[in-house]
Amino acid sequence: MLLDTNMHHPKRQSYTILEKYLLLLFSTFRLYNFEIEPIMNEFSQ
């Protein structure tokens, strides 16, 4: 049982890190769109 939890814990941990990274990337992308869009609208006018 102890061996089993040791086997699965690193996978779960790395998955959480990946999840956080994707969430951060997604947030950055949304922020980027939010900031870039008004600038692009100014250029197109």
PDB file of N, CA and C in Angstrom:
ATOM      1  N   MET A   1       0.839  -1.207   0.000  1.00  0.00           N
ATOM      2  CA  MET A   1       0.000   0.000   0.000  1.00  0.00           C
ATOM      3  C   MET A   1       0.876   1.260   0.000  1.00  0.00           C
ATOM      4  N   LEU A   2       1.893   1.236   0.828  1.00  0.00           N
ATOM      5  CA  LEU A   2       2.801   2.373   0.901  1.00  0.00           C
ATOM      6  C   LEU A   2       3.540   2.569  -0.420  1.00  0.00           C
ATOM      7  N   LEU A   3       3.954   1.461  -1.012  1.00  0.00           N
ATOM      8  CA  LEU A   3       4.640   1.512  -2.305  1.00  0.00           C
ATOM      9  C   LEU A   3       3.718   2.099  -3.370  1.00  0.00           C
ATOM     10  N   ASP A   4       2.459   1.732  -3.303  1.00  0.00           N
ATOM     11  CA  ASP A   4       1.483   2.207  -4.285  1.00  0.00           C
ATOM     12  C   ASP A   4       1.311   3.718  -4.216  1.00  0.00           C
ATOM     13  N   THR A   5       1.215   4.263  -3.019  1.00  0.00           N
ATOM     14  CA  THR A   5       1.074   5.716  -2.884  1.00  0.00           C
ATOM     15  C   THR A   5       2.338   6.425  -3.338  1.00  0.00           C
ATOM     16  N   ASN A   6       3.492   5.811  -3.089  1.00  0.00           N
ATOM     17  CA  ASN A   6       4.745   6.401  -3.548  1.00  0.00           C
ATOM     18  C   ASN A   6       4.832   6.421  -5.067  1.00  0.00           C
ATOM     19  N   MET A   7       4.273   5.430  -5.686  1.00  0.00           N
ATOM     20  CA  MET A   7       4.279   5.376  -7.146  1.00  0.00           C
ATOM     21  C   MET A   7       3.368   6.449  -7.742  1.00  0.00           C
ATOM     22  N   HIS A   8       2.255   6.674  -7.120  1.00  0.00           N
ATOM     23  CA  HIS A   8       1.266   7.581  -7.704  1.00  0.00           C
ATOM     24  C   HIS A   8       1.453   9.038  -7.327  1.00  0.00           C
ATOM     25  N   HIS A   9       2.082   9.281  -6.209  1.00  0.00           N
ATOM     26  CA  HIS A   9       2.204  10.666  -5.754  1.00  0.00           C
ATOM     27  C   HIS A   9       2.986  11.565  -6.715  1.00  0.00           C
ATOM     28  N   PRO A  10       4.147  11.154  -7.217  1.00  0.00           N
ATOM     29  CA  PRO A  10       4.869  12.028  -8.161  1.00  0.00           C
ATOM     30  C   PRO A  10       4.066  12.338  -9.419  1.00  0.00           C
ATOM     31  N   LYS A  11       3.326  11.358  -9.889  1.00  0.00           N
ATOM     32  CA  LYS A  11       2.494  11.609 -11.075  1.00  0.00           C
ATOM     33  C   LYS A  11       1.445  12.670 -10.777  1.00  0.00           C
ATOM     34  N   ARG A  12       0.795  12.507  -9.638  1.00  0.00           N
ATOM     35  CA  ARG A  12      -0.242  13.461  -9.266  1.00  0.00           C
ATOM     36  C   ARG A  12       0.360  14.854  -9.074  1.00  0.00           C
ATOM     37  N   GLN A  13       1.533  14.901  -8.474  1.00  0.00           N
ATOM     38  CA  GLN A  13       2.172  16.188  -8.213  1.00  0.00           C
ATOM     39  C   GLN A  13       2.559  16.878  -9.519  1.00  0.00           C
ATOM     40  N   SER A  14       3.150  16.126 -10.431  1.00  0.00           N
ATOM     41  CA  SER A  14       3.558  16.725 -11.705  1.00  0.00           C
ATOM     42  C   SER A  14       2.332  17.146 -12.513  1.00  0.00           C
ATOM     43  N   TYR A  15       1.253  16.402 -12.374  1.00  0.00           N
ATOM     44  CA  TYR A  15       0.018  16.781 -13.054  1.00  0.00           C
ATOM     45  C   TYR A  15      -0.500  18.114 -12.515  1.00  0.00           C
ATOM     46  N   THR A  16      -0.416  18.296 -11.213  1.00  0.00           N
ATOM     47  CA  THR A  16      -0.863  19.558 -10.618  1.00  0.00           C
ATOM     48  C   THR A  16       0.002  20.709 -11.103  1.00  0.00           C
ATOM     49  N   ILE A  17       1.303  20.482 -11.206  1.00  0.00           N
ATOM     50  CA  ILE A  17       2.211  21.522 -11.689  1.00  0.00           C
ATOM     51  C   ILE A  17       1.873  21.866 -13.135  1.00  0.00           C
ATOM     52  N   LEU A  18       1.609  20.850 -13.927  1.00  0.00           N
ATOM     53  CA  LEU A  18       1.227  21.071 -15.320  1.00  0.00           C
ATOM     54  C   LEU A  18      -0.085  21.841 -15.394  1.00  0.00           C
ATOM     55  N   GLU A  19      -1.015  21.474 -14.540  1.00  0.00           N
ATOM     56  CA  GLU A  19      -2.308  22.153 -14.495  1.00  0.00           C
ATOM     57  C   GLU A  19      -2.135  23.629 -14.147  1.00  0.00           C
ATOM     58  N   LYS A  20      -1.316  23.901 -13.139  1.00  0.00           N
ATOM     59  CA  LYS A  20      -1.049  25.289 -12.749  1.00  0.00           C
ATOM     60  C   LYS A  20      -0.387  26.056 -13.880  1.00  0.00           C
ATOM     61  N   TYR A  21       0.535  25.390 -14.572  1.00  0.00           N
ATOM     62  CA  TYR A  21       1.224  26.037 -15.684  1.00  0.00           C
ATOM     63  C   TYR A  21       0.243  26.382 -16.802  1.00  0.00           C
ATOM     64  N   LEU A  22      -0.644  25.449 -17.114  1.00  0.00           N
ATOM     65  CA  LEU A  22      -1.638  25.703 -18.157  1.00  0.00           C
ATOM     66  C   LEU A  22      -2.590  26.819 -17.751  1.00  0.00           C
ATOM     67  N   LEU A  23      -2.963  26.829 -16.497  1.00  0.00           N
ATOM     68  CA  LEU A  23      -3.841  27.882 -15.997  1.00  0.00           C
ATOM     69  C   LEU A  23      -3.156  29.240 -16.090  1.00  0.00           C
ATOM     70  N   LEU A  24      -1.888  29.278 -15.733  1.00  0.00           N
ATOM     71  CA  LEU A  24      -1.113  30.513 -15.828  1.00  0.00           C
ATOM     72  C   LEU A  24      -0.998  30.969 -17.275  1.00  0.00           C
ATOM     73  N   LEU A  25      -0.731  30.016 -18.156  1.00  0.00           N
ATOM     74  CA  LEU A  25      -0.610  30.328 -19.574  1.00  0.00           C
ATOM     75  C   LEU A  25      -1.933  30.875 -20.109  1.00  0.00           C
ATOM     76  N   PHE A  26      -3.029  30.239 -19.718  1.00  0.00           N
ATOM     77  CA  PHE A  26      -4.351  30.670 -20.146  1.00  0.00           C
ATOM     78  C   PHE A  26      -4.668  32.073 -19.630  1.00  0.00           C
ATOM     79  N   SER A  27      -4.331  32.335 -18.366  1.00  0.00           N
ATOM     80  CA  SER A  27      -4.557  33.658 -17.782  1.00  0.00           C
ATOM     81  C   SER A  27      -3.737  34.716 -18.492  1.00  0.00           C
ATOM     82  N   THR A  28      -2.492  34.385 -18.804  1.00  0.00           N
ATOM     83  CA  THR A  28      -1.618  35.319 -19.509  1.00  0.00           C
ATOM     84  C   THR A  28      -2.168  35.611 -20.894  1.00  0.00           C
ATOM     85  N   PHE A  29      -2.658  34.575 -21.545  1.00  0.00           N
ATOM     86  CA  PHE A  29      -3.219  34.735 -22.883  1.00  0.00           C
ATOM     87  C   PHE A  29      -4.457  35.627 -22.852  1.00  0.00           C
ATOM     88  N   ARG A  30      -5.308  35.434 -21.862  1.00  0.00           N
ATOM     89  CA  ARG A  30      -6.505  36.270 -21.732  1.00  0.00           C
ATOM     90  C   ARG A  30      -6.129  37.710 -21.450  1.00  0.00           C
ATOM     91  N   LEU A  31      -5.152  37.912 -20.583  1.00  0.00           N
ATOM     92  CA  LEU A  31      -4.681  39.256 -20.270  1.00  0.00           C
ATOM     93  C   LEU A  31      -4.091  39.902 -21.512  1.00  0.00           C
ATOM     94  N   TYR A  32      -3.335  39.136 -22.266  1.00  0.00           N
ATOM     95  CA  TYR A  32      -2.730  39.618 -23.508  1.00  0.00           C
ATOM     96  C   TYR A  32      -3.819  40.065 -24.487  1.00  0.00           C
ATOM     97  N   ASN A  33      -4.838  39.246 -24.662  1.00  0.00           N
ATOM     98  CA  ASN A  33      -5.945  39.612 -25.544  1.00  0.00           C
ATOM     99  C   ASN A  33      -6.660  40.859 -25.049  1.00  0.00           C
ATOM    100  N   PHE A  34      -6.840  40.937 -23.758  1.00  0.00           N
ATOM    101  CA  PHE A  34      -7.539  42.071 -23.167  1.00  0.00           C
ATOM    102  C   PHE A  34      -6.762  43.367 -23.381  1.00  0.00           C
ATOM    103  N   GLU A  35      -5.438  43.294 -23.327  1.00  0.00           N
ATOM    104  CA  GLU A  35      -4.622  44.499 -23.489  1.00  0.00           C
ATOM    105  C   GLU A  35      -4.376  44.827 -24.952  1.00  0.00           C
ATOM    106  N   ILE A  36      -4.253  43.809 -25.776  1.00  0.00           N
ATOM    107  CA  ILE A  36      -3.896  44.026 -27.177  1.00  0.00           C
ATOM    108  C   ILE A  36      -5.104  44.481 -28.003  1.00  0.00           C
ATOM    109  N   GLU A  37      -6.257  43.986 -27.673  1.00  0.00           N
ATOM    110  CA  GLU A  37      -7.444  44.289 -28.476  1.00  0.00           C
ATOM    111  C   GLU A  37      -7.737  45.782 -28.597  1.00  0.00           C
ATOM    112  N   PRO A  38      -7.758  46.558 -27.514  1.00  0.00           N
ATOM    113  CA  PRO A  38      -7.983  48.005 -27.660  1.00  0.00           C
ATOM    114  C   PRO A  38      -6.928  48.680 -28.530  1.00  0.00           C
ATOM    115  N   ILE A  39      -5.690  48.220 -28.408  1.00  0.00           N
ATOM    116  CA  ILE A  39      -4.611  48.797 -29.217  1.00  0.00           C
ATOM    117  C   ILE A  39      -4.852  48.506 -30.698  1.00  0.00           C
ATOM    118  N   MET A  40      -5.246  47.291 -30.997  1.00  0.00           N
ATOM    119  CA  MET A  40      -5.523  46.921 -32.383  1.00  0.00           C
ATOM    120  C   MET A  40      -6.725  47.696 -32.920  1.00  0.00           C
ATOM    121  N   ASN A  41      -7.692  47.913 -32.085  1.00  0.00           N
ATOM    122  CA  ASN A  41      -8.856  48.691 -32.503  1.00  0.00           C
ATOM    123  C   ASN A  41      -8.472  50.135 -32.819  1.00  0.00           C
ATOM    124  N   GLU A  42      -7.558  50.673 -32.055  1.00  0.00           N
ATOM    125  CA  GLU A  42      -7.087  52.037 -32.331  1.00  0.00           C
ATOM    126  C   GLU A  42      -6.349  52.100 -33.656  1.00  0.00           C
ATOM    127  N   PHE A  43      -5.584  51.059 -33.960  1.00  0.00           N
ATOM    128  CA  PHE A  43      -4.840  51.036 -35.214  1.00  0.00           C
ATOM    129  C   PHE A  43      -5.763  50.904 -36.421  1.00  0.00           C
ATOM    130  N   SER A  44      -6.835  50.149 -36.256  1.00  0.00           N
ATOM    131  CA  SER A  44      -7.711  49.911 -37.406  1.00  0.00           C
ATOM    132  C   SER A  44      -8.622  51.096 -37.712  1.00  0.00           C
ATOM    133  N   GLN A  45      -8.767  51.998 -36.775  1.00  0.00           N
ATOM    134  CA  GLN A  45      -9.639  53.154 -37.027  1.00  0.00           C
ATOM    135  C   GLN A  45      -8.954  54.221 -37.874  1.00  0.00           C
TER     136      GLN A  45
END
